[in-house]
Amino acid sequence: MSNTDWGKQGAIAGYLNVFVAAVGIGAALWLGLRQSTSEVSTSQAGAIVRPEVWIVASLYLVGVVIAGYLHYKAAKLNNVRATGPFSKEMLDQWTAAGSHLDESINQSFKYQEVKIDGRKFVGCSFTHVNLFYNGTLPFHFDNCEFDSDTMTHFHTNNPAMAQWTELLRTLGVLKPDINFVLQQRNENPKGV
């Protein structure tokens, strides 16, 4: 069942919830009114419902409104998930892109900036290199060598990537001496 189907079911559940609530409130008021009429004279019967019945009916109505709103939000959220950035289609595209990476084999990169989005490096060496990753395409390193300077200098134009790196640093996953720099869009690397 797709996320869209779940969204439709959530909306249907919300409508059923409102219908059941209306029946419940009607029944509570009818019973309260019926009970009230047996306790008072007929001239006052139409205007009196016991306060506890009104309280229960009001709380029930508030609960139904909140539940209906939550069903609506869930249906809307499921619709966003079905078409959002983490949809199955997007993940499939990312996986497919990973099988069509531009390959660099047995190359030496020295004193330059290297974009790694959409690239596969096999048997390459990196000396005093600034690795540049924007998170737009997957990348892969296989049997590559990095000097200590390269291992501590990463750059991006993507604020989300910079934020992710900061989270990893905060959690202790990244060493404190690793330098991850967020650069403005017009500062694209001049290297390969």
C-alpha atoms as a PDB file:
ATOM      1  CA  MET A   1       0.000   0.000   0.000  1.00  0.00           C
ATOM      2  CA  SER A   2       1.457   3.336  -1.028  1.00  0.00           C
ATOM      3  CA  ASN A   3       1.792   6.395   1.210  1.00  0.00           C
ATOM      4  CA  THR A   4      -0.973   8.049  -0.811  1.00  0.00           C
ATOM      5  CA  ASP A   5      -3.322   5.151   0.018  1.00  0.00           C
ATOM      6  CA  TRP A   6      -2.447   5.572   3.700  1.00  0.00           C
ATOM      7  CA  GLY A   7      -3.238   9.271   3.380  1.00  0.00           C
ATOM      8  CA  LYS A   8      -6.670   8.495   1.892  1.00  0.00           C
ATOM      9  CA  GLN A   9      -7.373   6.011   4.672  1.00  0.00           C
ATOM     10  CA  GLY A  10      -6.379   8.613   7.251  1.00  0.00           C
ATOM     11  CA  ALA A  11      -8.816  11.097   5.714  1.00  0.00           C
ATOM     12  CA  ILE A  12     -11.612   8.510   5.659  1.00  0.00           C
ATOM     13  CA  ALA A  13     -10.877   7.658   9.304  1.00  0.00           C
ATOM     14  CA  GLY A  14     -11.107  11.362  10.142  1.00  0.00           C
ATOM     15  CA  TYR A  15     -14.519  11.672   8.463  1.00  0.00           C
ATOM     16  CA  LEU A  16     -15.781   8.554  10.246  1.00  0.00           C
ATOM     17  CA  ASN A  17     -14.505   9.987  13.516  1.00  0.00           C
ATOM     18  CA  VAL A  18     -16.507  13.178  12.975  1.00  0.00           C
ATOM     19  CA  PHE A  19     -19.639  11.171  12.092  1.00  0.00           C
ATOM     20  CA  VAL A  20     -19.328   8.969  15.193  1.00  0.00           C
ATOM     21  CA  ALA A  21     -18.725  12.056  17.298  1.00  0.00           C
ATOM     22  CA  ALA A  22     -21.832  13.771  15.956  1.00  0.00           C
ATOM     23  CA  VAL A  23     -23.911  10.671  16.758  1.00  0.00           C
ATOM     24  CA  GLY A  24     -22.329  10.472  20.238  1.00  0.00           C
ATOM     25  CA  ILE A  25     -22.942  14.143  20.993  1.00  0.00           C
ATOM     26  CA  GLY A  26     -26.508  13.897  19.704  1.00  0.00           C
ATOM     27  CA  ALA A  27     -27.147  10.832  21.848  1.00  0.00           C
ATOM     28  CA  ALA A  28     -25.633  12.476  24.932  1.00  0.00           C
ATOM     29  CA  LEU A  29     -27.735  15.597  24.465  1.00  0.00           C
ATOM     30  CA  TRP A  30     -30.882  13.580  23.746  1.00  0.00           C
ATOM     31  CA  LEU A  31     -30.376  11.428  26.844  1.00  0.00           C
ATOM     32  CA  GLY A  32     -29.581  14.483  28.944  1.00  0.00           C
ATOM     33  CA  LEU A  33     -32.631  16.306  27.632  1.00  0.00           C
ATOM     34  CA  ARG A  34     -34.814  13.231  28.105  1.00  0.00           C
ATOM     35  CA  GLN A  35     -33.578  12.742  31.652  1.00  0.00           C
ATOM     36  CA  SER A  36     -34.061  16.441  32.372  1.00  0.00           C
ATOM     37  CA  THR A  37     -37.642  16.427  31.133  1.00  0.00           C
ATOM     38  CA  SER A  38     -38.584  13.675  33.537  1.00  0.00           C
ATOM     39  CA  GLU A  39     -37.218  15.712  36.441  1.00  0.00           C
ATOM     40  CA  VAL A  40     -38.821  19.100  35.663  1.00  0.00           C
ATOM     41  CA  SER A  41     -42.190  20.396  34.671  1.00  0.00           C
ATOM     42  CA  THR A  42     -43.163  20.413  31.007  1.00  0.00           C
ATOM     43  CA  SER A  43     -42.960  24.196  30.757  1.00  0.00           C
ATOM     44  CA  GLN A  44     -39.212  24.120  31.468  1.00  0.00           C
ATOM     45  CA  ALA A  45     -38.367  20.903  29.617  1.00  0.00           C
ATOM     46  CA  GLY A  46     -37.031  22.396  26.396  1.00  0.00           C
ATOM     47  CA  ALA A  47     -34.489  24.671  28.084  1.00  0.00           C
ATOM     48  CA  ILE A  48     -32.859  22.374  30.598  1.00  0.00           C
ATOM     49  CA  VAL A  49     -30.017  19.912  30.119  1.00  0.00           C
ATOM     50  CA  ARG A  50     -27.959  18.885  33.099  1.00  0.00           C
ATOM     51  CA  PRO A  51     -24.536  20.625  33.319  1.00  0.00           C
ATOM     52  CA  GLU A  52     -22.559  17.363  33.438  1.00  0.00           C
ATOM     53  CA  VAL A  53     -24.091  16.322  30.107  1.00  0.00           C
ATOM     54  CA  TRP A  54     -22.970  19.621  28.553  1.00  0.00           C
ATOM     55  CA  ILE A  55     -19.480  19.157  29.982  1.00  0.00           C
ATOM     56  CA  VAL A  56     -19.163  15.602  28.629  1.00  0.00           C
ATOM     57  CA  ALA A  57     -20.566  16.630  25.250  1.00  0.00           C
ATOM     58  CA  SER A  58     -18.204  19.627  25.054  1.00  0.00           C
ATOM     59  CA  LEU A  59     -15.134  17.567  25.959  1.00  0.00           C
ATOM     60  CA  TYR A  60     -16.173  14.935  23.453  1.00  0.00           C
ATOM     61  CA  LEU A  61     -16.546  17.603  20.768  1.00  0.00           C
ATOM     62  CA  VAL A  62     -13.118  19.095  21.550  1.00  0.00           C
ATOM     63  CA  GLY A  63     -11.578  15.608  21.352  1.00  0.00           C
ATOM     64  CA  VAL A  64     -13.236  14.964  18.008  1.00  0.00           C
ATOM     65  CA  VAL A  65     -12.032  18.268  16.566  1.00  0.00           C
ATOM     66  CA  ILE A  66      -8.467  17.531  17.696  1.00  0.00           C
ATOM     67  CA  ALA A  67      -8.613  13.964  16.342  1.00  0.00           C
ATOM     68  CA  GLY A  68     -10.029  15.186  13.035  1.00  0.00           C
ATOM     69  CA  TYR A  69      -7.253  17.780  12.757  1.00  0.00           C
ATOM     70  CA  LEU A  70      -4.607  15.143  13.496  1.00  0.00           C
ATOM     71  CA  HIS A  71      -6.092  12.840  10.841  1.00  0.00           C
ATOM     72  CA  TYR A  72      -5.988  15.727   8.372  1.00  0.00           C
ATOM     73  CA  LYS A  73      -2.338  16.508   9.199  1.00  0.00           C
ATOM     74  CA  ALA A  74      -1.399  12.804   8.936  1.00  0.00           C
ATOM     75  CA  ALA A  75      -3.060  12.542   5.536  1.00  0.00           C
ATOM     76  CA  LYS A  76      -1.272  15.707   4.379  1.00  0.00           C
ATOM     77  CA  LEU A  77       2.074  14.461   5.753  1.00  0.00           C
ATOM     78  CA  ASN A  78       1.683  11.108   4.022  1.00  0.00           C
ATOM     79  CA  ASN A  79       0.981  12.934   0.775  1.00  0.00           C
ATOM     80  CA  VAL A  80       4.176  14.988   1.216  1.00  0.00           C
ATOM     81  CA  ARG A  81       6.179  11.835   1.954  1.00  0.00           C
ATOM     82  CA  ALA A  82       4.860  10.202  -1.199  1.00  0.00           C
ATOM     83  CA  THR A  83       6.209  13.037  -3.355  1.00  0.00           C
ATOM     84  CA  GLY A  84       8.950  14.441  -1.107  1.00  0.00           C
ATOM     85  CA  PRO A  85      12.733  14.354  -1.256  1.00  0.00           C
ATOM     86  CA  PHE A  86      12.927  10.896   0.301  1.00  0.00           C
ATOM     87  CA  SER A  87      10.415   9.152  -1.949  1.00  0.00           C
ATOM     88  CA  LYS A  88      11.189   5.721  -3.359  1.00  0.00           C
ATOM     89  CA  GLU A  89      11.628   7.228  -6.812  1.00  0.00           C
ATOM     90  CA  MET A  90      14.277   9.647  -5.542  1.00  0.00           C
ATOM     91  CA  LEU A  91      16.135   6.858  -3.741  1.00  0.00           C
ATOM     92  CA  ASP A  92      16.000   4.729  -6.903  1.00  0.00           C
ATOM     93  CA  GLN A  93      17.468   7.620  -8.913  1.00  0.00           C
ATOM     94  CA  TRP A  94      20.259   8.051  -6.346  1.00  0.00           C
ATOM     95  CA  THR A  95      21.067   4.327  -6.482  1.00  0.00           C
ATOM     96  CA  ALA A  96      21.032   4.331 -10.297  1.00  0.00           C
ATOM     97  CA  ALA A  97      23.372   7.346 -10.362  1.00  0.00           C
ATOM     98  CA  GLY A  98      25.782   5.395  -8.144  1.00  0.00           C
ATOM     99  CA  SER A  99      26.245   2.806 -10.878  1.00  0.00           C
ATOM    100  CA  HIS A 100      27.158   5.484 -13.489  1.00  0.00           C
ATOM    101  CA  LEU A 101      29.903   7.432 -11.724  1.00  0.00           C
ATOM    102  CA  ASP A 102      32.713   9.131 -13.649  1.00  0.00           C
ATOM    103  CA  GLU A 103      35.824   7.081 -12.924  1.00  0.00           C
ATOM    104  CA  SER A 104      39.301   8.294 -12.099  1.00  0.00           C
ATOM    105  CA  ILE A 105      41.746   5.398 -12.008  1.00  0.00           C
ATOM    106  CA  ASN A 106      45.301   5.490 -10.610  1.00  0.00           C
ATOM    107  CA  GLN A 107      45.526   9.296 -10.758  1.00  0.00           C
ATOM    108  CA  SER A 108      47.507  11.559  -8.457  1.00  0.00           C
ATOM    109  CA  PHE A 109      45.772  14.715  -7.263  1.00  0.00           C
ATOM    110  CA  LYS A 110      48.068  17.346  -5.730  1.00  0.00           C
ATOM    111  CA  TYR A 111      47.518  20.876  -4.394  1.00  0.00           C
ATOM    112  CA  GLN A 112      44.042  21.338  -5.851  1.00  0.00           C
ATOM    113  CA  GLU A 113      40.345  21.172  -5.088  1.00  0.00           C
ATOM    114  CA  VAL A 114      38.569  18.028  -6.255  1.00  0.00           C
ATOM    115  CA  LYS A 115      34.821  17.736  -6.698  1.00  0.00           C
ATOM    116  CA  ILE A 116      33.724  14.263  -5.648  1.00  0.00           C
ATOM    117  CA  ASP A 117      29.969  14.426  -6.476  1.00  0.00           C
ATOM    118  CA  GLY A 118      29.191  11.750  -9.074  1.00  0.00           C
ATOM    119  CA  ARG A 119      32.736  10.371  -9.165  1.00  0.00           C
ATOM    120  CA  LYS A 120      34.451   7.074  -8.433  1.00  0.00           C
ATOM    121  CA  PHE A 121      38.123   7.099  -7.489  1.00  0.00           C
ATOM    122  CA  VAL A 122      40.072   3.841  -7.826  1.00  0.00           C
ATOM    123  CA  GLY A 123      43.697   3.563  -6.683  1.00  0.00           C
ATOM    124  CA  CYS A 124      44.122   7.342  -6.609  1.00  0.00           C
ATOM    125  CA  SER A 125      46.353   9.384  -4.316  1.00  0.00           C
ATOM    126  CA  PHE A 126      45.458  12.753  -2.802  1.00  0.00           C
ATOM    127  CA  THR A 127      48.171  15.136  -1.565  1.00  0.00           C
ATOM    128  CA  HIS A 128      47.253  18.524  -0.057  1.00  0.00           C
ATOM    129  CA  VAL A 129      43.832  18.316  -1.712  1.00  0.00           C
ATOM    130  CA  ASN A 130      40.597  20.011  -0.657  1.00  0.00           C
ATOM    131  CA  LEU A 131      37.784  17.543  -1.245  1.00  0.00           C
ATOM    132  CA  PHE A 132      34.605  19.301  -2.364  1.00  0.00           C
ATOM    133  CA  TYR A 133      31.221  17.554  -1.826  1.00  0.00           C
ATOM    134  CA  ASN A 134      27.753  19.082  -2.278  1.00  0.00           C
ATOM    135  CA  GLY A 135      25.672  15.964  -1.749  1.00  0.00           C
ATOM    136  CA  THR A 136      24.083  16.086  -5.209  1.00  0.00           C
ATOM    137  CA  LEU A 137      25.301  12.663  -6.361  1.00  0.00           C
ATOM    138  CA  PRO A 138      26.890   9.641  -4.699  1.00  0.00           C
ATOM    139  CA  PHE A 139      30.653   9.096  -4.744  1.00  0.00           C
ATOM    140  CA  HIS A 140      32.994   6.173  -4.135  1.00  0.00           C
ATOM    141  CA  PHE A 141      36.627   5.724  -3.095  1.00  0.00           C
ATOM    142  CA  ASP A 142      38.306   2.364  -3.642  1.00  0.00           C
ATOM    143  CA  ASN A 143      41.876   1.686  -2.482  1.00  0.00           C
ATOM    144  CA  CYS A 144      42.843   5.364  -2.433  1.00  0.00           C
ATOM    145  CA  GLU A 145      45.540   7.093  -0.378  1.00  0.00           C
ATOM    146  CA  PHE A 146      45.097  10.417   1.425  1.00  0.00           C
ATOM    147  CA  ASP A 147      47.775  12.480   3.123  1.00  0.00           C
ATOM    148  CA  SER A 148      47.012  13.949   6.556  1.00  0.00           C
ATOM    149  CA  ASP A 149      46.315  17.411   5.097  1.00  0.00           C
ATOM    150  CA  THR A 150      43.684  16.077   2.662  1.00  0.00           C
ATOM    151  CA  MET A 151      42.009  14.065   5.422  1.00  0.00           C
ATOM    152  CA  THR A 152      41.255  17.250   7.342  1.00  0.00           C
ATOM    153  CA  HIS A 153      40.029  19.604   4.581  1.00  0.00           C
ATOM    154  CA  PHE A 154      36.504  19.227   3.216  1.00  0.00           C
ATOM    155  CA  HIS A 155      34.390  21.877   1.465  1.00  0.00           C
ATOM    156  CA  THR A 156      30.789  22.246   0.303  1.00  0.00           C
ATOM    157  CA  ASN A 157      28.296  24.756  -1.130  1.00  0.00           C
ATOM    158  CA  ASN A 158      25.404  22.915   0.490  1.00  0.00           C
ATOM    159  CA  PRO A 159      24.351  24.238   3.934  1.00  0.00           C
ATOM    160  CA  ALA A 160      22.636  20.921   4.705  1.00  0.00           C
ATOM    161  CA  MET A 161      25.933  19.068   4.215  1.00  0.00           C
ATOM    162  CA  ALA A 162      27.699  21.542   6.493  1.00  0.00           C
ATOM    163  CA  GLN A 163      24.996  21.084   9.128  1.00  0.00           C
ATOM    164  CA  TRP A 164      25.233  17.287   8.860  1.00  0.00           C
ATOM    165  CA  THR A 165      28.988  17.489   9.346  1.00  0.00           C
ATOM    166  CA  GLU A 166      28.506  19.706  12.396  1.00  0.00           C
ATOM    167  CA  LEU A 167      26.141  17.093  13.845  1.00  0.00           C
ATOM    168  CA  LEU A 168      28.737  14.366  13.285  1.00  0.00           C
ATOM    169  CA  ARG A 169      31.378  16.556  14.956  1.00  0.00           C
ATOM    170  CA  THR A 170      29.054  17.225  17.925  1.00  0.00           C
ATOM    171  CA  LEU A 171      28.391  13.501  18.336  1.00  0.00           C
ATOM    172  CA  GLY A 172      32.128  12.797  18.308  1.00  0.00           C
ATOM    173  CA  VAL A 173      32.042  10.854  15.036  1.00  0.00           C
ATOM    174  CA  LEU A 174      34.411  13.356  13.370  1.00  0.00           C
ATOM    175  CA  LYS A 175      37.752  14.240  14.860  1.00  0.00           C
ATOM    176  CA  PRO A 176      37.885  17.817  16.193  1.00  0.00           C
ATOM    177  CA  ASP A 177      40.751  18.784  13.867  1.00  0.00           C
ATOM    178  CA  ILE A 178      38.772  18.092  10.690  1.00  0.00           C
ATOM    179  CA  ASN A 179      38.056  21.355   8.878  1.00  0.00           C
ATOM    180  CA  PHE A 180      34.730  21.382   7.001  1.00  0.00           C
ATOM    181  CA  VAL A 181      34.113  24.700   5.219  1.00  0.00           C
ATOM    182  CA  LEU A 182      30.820  26.003   3.846  1.00  0.00           C
ATOM    183  CA  GLN A 183      31.562  28.185   0.809  1.00  0.00           C
ATOM    184  CA  GLN A 184      29.264  30.505  -1.153  1.00  0.00           C
ATOM    185  CA  ARG A 185      27.864  29.195  -4.450  1.00  0.00           C
ATOM    186  CA  ASN A 186      30.079  31.454  -6.548  1.00  0.00           C
ATOM    187  CA  GLU A 187      33.178  29.935  -4.962  1.00  0.00           C
ATOM    188  CA  ASN A 188      33.070  26.657  -6.885  1.00  0.00           C
ATOM    189  CA  PRO A 189      36.318  24.734  -6.968  1.00  0.00           C
ATOM    190  CA  LYS A 190      38.641  25.422  -9.854  1.00  0.00           C
ATOM    191  CA  GLY A 191      40.063  21.930  -9.706  1.00  0.00           C
ATOM    192  CA  VAL A 192      38.681  18.747 -11.222  1.00  0.00           C
END
